[in-house]
Amino acid sequence: MKALIADKFEQSGLEGLTAIGYQVAYEPTLKGDELGKRMREDDWDVLVVRSTQITREMLDGVKIEVIIRAGAGVNTIDVAAA
């Protein structure tokens, strides 16, 4: 499984994902078009964000199975598009 972490994330969380066999790309500065492009560059299973906005345009053509918001609510994710 492959996870793209595109926001701040605790080191213990990164270590935990790695320990259970995930390939983790920790790129907390990705935003907007750069993030959309990165999401299309590889076959990610999981996307983790915090305050980063995830829009319909960013999700077009992306095969991510799960989007996780490391925080409360889903106000930064276009849930209908996801």
N, C-alpha and C. Protein backbone atom coordinates (compact mmCIF):
# COMPACT_ATOMS: atom_id res chain seq x y z
N MET A 1 0.84 -1.17 0.00
CA MET A 1 0.00 0.00 0.00
C MET A 1 0.89 1.25 0.00
N LYS A 2 0.37 2.29 -0.61
CA LYS A 2 1.14 3.53 -0.73
C LYS A 2 0.31 4.69 -0.20
N ALA A 3 0.95 5.49 0.66
CA ALA A 3 0.28 6.64 1.25
C ALA A 3 1.04 7.92 0.94
N LEU A 4 0.29 8.93 0.50
CA LEU A 4 0.84 10.26 0.27
C LEU A 4 0.35 11.14 1.41
N ILE A 5 1.28 11.64 2.21
CA ILE A 5 0.97 12.53 3.32
C ILE A 5 1.27 13.94 2.84
N ALA A 6 0.21 14.73 2.61
CA ALA A 6 0.38 16.04 1.99
C ALA A 6 0.05 17.17 2.95
N ASP A 7 0.47 17.02 4.18
CA ASP A 7 0.25 18.03 5.20
C ASP A 7 1.08 17.64 6.41
N LYS A 8 1.07 18.49 7.45
CA LYS A 8 1.79 18.15 8.67
C LYS A 8 1.24 16.86 9.25
N PHE A 9 2.14 16.02 9.76
CA PHE A 9 1.73 14.73 10.30
C PHE A 9 2.76 14.31 11.34
N GLU A 10 2.31 13.74 12.40
CA GLU A 10 3.21 13.34 13.49
C GLU A 10 4.18 12.25 13.05
N GLN A 11 5.40 12.33 13.54
CA GLN A 11 6.42 11.34 13.23
C GLN A 11 5.96 9.94 13.64
N SER A 12 5.28 9.84 14.77
CA SER A 12 4.81 8.52 15.23
C SER A 12 3.80 7.93 14.24
N GLY A 13 3.00 8.77 13.59
CA GLY A 13 2.07 8.30 12.58
C GLY A 13 2.79 7.79 11.34
N LEU A 14 3.82 8.52 10.93
CA LEU A 14 4.63 8.07 9.78
C LEU A 14 5.29 6.73 10.08
N GLU A 15 5.85 6.62 11.28
CA GLU A 15 6.51 5.37 11.68
C GLU A 15 5.51 4.23 11.77
N GLY A 16 4.30 4.53 12.28
CA GLY A 16 3.27 3.50 12.38
C GLY A 16 2.84 2.97 11.02
N LEU A 17 2.66 3.86 10.06
CA LEU A 17 2.30 3.43 8.71
C LEU A 17 3.40 2.59 8.08
N THR A 18 4.63 3.02 8.25
CA THR A 18 5.76 2.27 7.72
C THR A 18 5.85 0.89 8.38
N ALA A 19 5.62 0.83 9.68
CA ALA A 19 5.71 -0.44 10.42
C ALA A 19 4.69 -1.47 9.94
N ILE A 20 3.54 -1.01 9.44
CA ILE A 20 2.55 -1.97 8.96
C ILE A 20 2.65 -2.21 7.45
N GLY A 21 3.73 -1.73 6.86
CA GLY A 21 4.03 -2.08 5.48
C GLY A 21 3.70 -1.04 4.42
N TYR A 22 3.27 0.14 4.81
CA TYR A 22 2.99 1.18 3.83
C TYR A 22 4.27 1.78 3.29
N GLN A 23 4.26 2.13 2.02
CA GLN A 23 5.29 2.98 1.44
C GLN A 23 4.74 4.39 1.64
N VAL A 24 5.48 5.23 2.35
CA VAL A 24 4.98 6.56 2.71
C VAL A 24 5.81 7.64 2.04
N ALA A 25 5.12 8.57 1.38
CA ALA A 25 5.75 9.77 0.84
C ALA A 25 5.25 10.92 1.69
N TYR A 26 6.15 11.54 2.45
CA TYR A 26 5.79 12.65 3.32
C TYR A 26 6.18 13.94 2.64
N GLU A 27 5.18 14.65 2.10
CA GLU A 27 5.41 15.87 1.34
C GLU A 27 4.45 16.96 1.84
N PRO A 28 4.71 17.48 3.05
CA PRO A 28 3.76 18.38 3.70
C PRO A 28 3.60 19.76 3.07
N THR A 29 4.44 20.12 2.12
CA THR A 29 4.33 21.44 1.51
C THR A 29 3.52 21.43 0.21
N LEU A 30 3.09 20.27 -0.24
CA LEU A 30 2.31 20.19 -1.47
C LEU A 30 0.95 20.86 -1.30
N LYS A 31 0.58 21.69 -2.25
CA LYS A 31 -0.70 22.39 -2.22
C LYS A 31 -1.18 22.59 -3.66
N GLY A 32 -2.46 22.81 -3.83
CA GLY A 32 -3.03 23.19 -5.11
C GLY A 32 -2.65 22.32 -6.28
N ASP A 33 -2.27 22.96 -7.38
CA ASP A 33 -1.94 22.24 -8.61
C ASP A 33 -0.79 21.26 -8.43
N GLU A 34 0.19 21.63 -7.60
CA GLU A 34 1.32 20.72 -7.35
C GLU A 34 0.84 19.42 -6.72
N LEU A 35 -0.06 19.53 -5.77
CA LEU A 35 -0.60 18.33 -5.13
C LEU A 35 -1.42 17.52 -6.13
N GLY A 36 -2.25 18.19 -6.91
CA GLY A 36 -3.04 17.48 -7.92
C GLY A 36 -2.16 16.70 -8.88
N LYS A 37 -1.07 17.32 -9.31
CA LYS A 37 -0.13 16.66 -10.22
C LYS A 37 0.52 15.47 -9.53
N ARG A 38 0.94 15.65 -8.29
CA ARG A 38 1.60 14.57 -7.55
C ARG A 38 0.65 13.39 -7.32
N MET A 39 -0.63 13.68 -7.09
CA MET A 39 -1.60 12.61 -6.88
C MET A 39 -1.78 11.78 -8.15
N ARG A 40 -1.54 12.37 -9.32
CA ARG A 40 -1.68 11.64 -10.59
C ARG A 40 -0.39 10.92 -10.99
N GLU A 41 0.74 11.29 -10.39
CA GLU A 41 2.03 10.72 -10.80
C GLU A 41 2.22 9.27 -10.37
N ASP A 42 1.45 8.82 -9.42
CA ASP A 42 1.67 7.49 -8.88
C ASP A 42 0.33 6.88 -8.50
N ASP A 43 0.31 5.60 -8.24
CA ASP A 43 -0.93 4.92 -7.82
C ASP A 43 -1.01 4.90 -6.30
N TRP A 44 -1.47 5.99 -5.72
CA TRP A 44 -1.60 6.09 -4.27
C TRP A 44 -2.86 5.38 -3.82
N ASP A 45 -2.77 4.71 -2.68
CA ASP A 45 -3.95 4.08 -2.08
C ASP A 45 -4.61 5.04 -1.10
N VAL A 46 -3.78 5.83 -0.40
CA VAL A 46 -4.26 6.69 0.68
C VAL A 46 -3.67 8.08 0.52
N LEU A 47 -4.50 9.10 0.76
CA LEU A 47 -4.05 10.48 0.83
C LEU A 47 -4.40 10.99 2.23
N VAL A 48 -3.44 11.59 2.91
CA VAL A 48 -3.68 12.17 4.23
C VAL A 48 -3.42 13.66 4.14
N VAL A 49 -4.41 14.44 4.58
CA VAL A 49 -4.29 15.90 4.63
C VAL A 49 -4.79 16.39 5.98
N ARG A 50 -4.54 17.64 6.24
CA ARG A 50 -5.03 18.29 7.46
C ARG A 50 -5.83 19.53 7.09
N SER A 51 -5.13 20.60 6.76
CA SER A 51 -5.80 21.84 6.37
C SER A 51 -5.76 22.07 4.87
N THR A 52 -5.09 21.21 4.15
CA THR A 52 -4.97 21.33 2.70
C THR A 52 -6.33 21.11 2.02
N GLN A 53 -6.68 22.01 1.12
CA GLN A 53 -7.93 21.90 0.36
C GLN A 53 -7.80 20.82 -0.72
N ILE A 54 -8.81 19.97 -0.81
CA ILE A 54 -8.87 18.95 -1.86
C ILE A 54 -10.12 19.24 -2.68
N THR A 55 -9.90 19.62 -3.94
CA THR A 55 -11.00 20.04 -4.81
C THR A 55 -11.34 18.97 -5.84
N ARG A 56 -12.48 19.15 -6.47
CA ARG A 56 -12.91 18.24 -7.54
C ARG A 56 -11.84 18.17 -8.65
N GLU A 57 -11.32 19.33 -9.04
CA GLU A 57 -10.30 19.36 -10.10
C GLU A 57 -9.07 18.54 -9.73
N MET A 58 -8.68 18.61 -8.47
CA MET A 58 -7.51 17.86 -8.02
C MET A 58 -7.76 16.36 -8.08
N LEU A 59 -9.00 15.94 -7.90
CA LEU A 59 -9.35 14.52 -7.84
C LEU A 59 -9.62 13.90 -9.20
N ASP A 60 -9.80 14.71 -10.23
CA ASP A 60 -10.06 14.18 -11.58
C ASP A 60 -8.92 13.28 -12.03
N GLY A 61 -9.27 12.05 -12.38
CA GLY A 61 -8.27 11.10 -12.87
C GLY A 61 -7.41 10.45 -11.81
N VAL A 62 -7.73 10.67 -10.55
CA VAL A 62 -6.94 10.11 -9.45
C VAL A 62 -7.61 8.82 -8.96
N LYS A 63 -6.81 7.81 -8.64
CA LYS A 63 -7.35 6.52 -8.22
C LYS A 63 -7.15 6.25 -6.74
N ILE A 64 -7.02 7.28 -5.94
CA ILE A 64 -6.85 7.12 -4.49
C ILE A 64 -8.10 6.48 -3.92
N GLU A 65 -7.91 5.48 -3.06
CA GLU A 65 -9.04 4.76 -2.48
C GLU A 65 -9.58 5.43 -1.21
N VAL A 66 -8.70 6.07 -0.43
CA VAL A 66 -9.11 6.65 0.84
C VAL A 66 -8.45 8.01 1.02
N ILE A 67 -9.26 9.00 1.44
CA ILE A 67 -8.73 10.30 1.81
C ILE A 67 -9.00 10.46 3.30
N ILE A 68 -7.94 10.72 4.04
CA ILE A 68 -8.04 10.87 5.49
C ILE A 68 -7.74 12.31 5.85
N ARG A 69 -8.58 12.88 6.67
CA ARG A 69 -8.30 14.21 7.21
C ARG A 69 -7.78 14.03 8.62
N ALA A 70 -6.55 14.39 8.85
CA ALA A 70 -5.93 14.28 10.18
C ALA A 70 -6.39 15.46 11.01
N GLY A 71 -7.63 15.42 11.43
CA GLY A 71 -8.25 16.51 12.18
C GLY A 71 -9.75 16.28 12.22
N ALA A 72 -10.46 17.25 12.69
CA ALA A 72 -11.92 17.13 12.82
C ALA A 72 -12.61 17.64 11.56
N GLY A 73 -13.66 16.95 11.17
CA GLY A 73 -14.47 17.39 10.05
C GLY A 73 -13.89 17.07 8.69
N VAL A 74 -14.62 17.46 7.66
CA VAL A 74 -14.18 17.23 6.28
C VAL A 74 -14.33 18.49 5.43
N ASN A 75 -14.35 19.64 6.09
CA ASN A 75 -14.60 20.90 5.38
C ASN A 75 -13.52 21.27 4.37
N THR A 76 -12.38 20.61 4.38
CA THR A 76 -11.33 20.93 3.41
C THR A 76 -11.36 19.97 2.22
N ILE A 77 -12.29 19.03 2.22
CA ILE A 77 -12.35 18.00 1.16
C ILE A 77 -13.68 18.12 0.43
N ASP A 78 -13.62 18.13 -0.91
CA ASP A 78 -14.85 18.08 -1.69
C ASP A 78 -15.36 16.64 -1.64
N VAL A 79 -16.22 16.41 -0.66
CA VAL A 79 -16.70 15.05 -0.37
C VAL A 79 -17.49 14.48 -1.56
N ALA A 80 -18.31 15.29 -2.20
CA ALA A 80 -19.09 14.82 -3.34
C ALA A 80 -18.17 14.33 -4.46
N ALA A 81 -17.08 15.03 -4.70
CA ALA A 81 -16.14 14.63 -5.74
C ALA A 81 -15.36 13.38 -5.34
N ALA A 82 -15.05 13.30 -4.07
CA ALA A 82 -14.29 12.13 -3.58
C ALA A 82 -15.14 10.89 -3.67
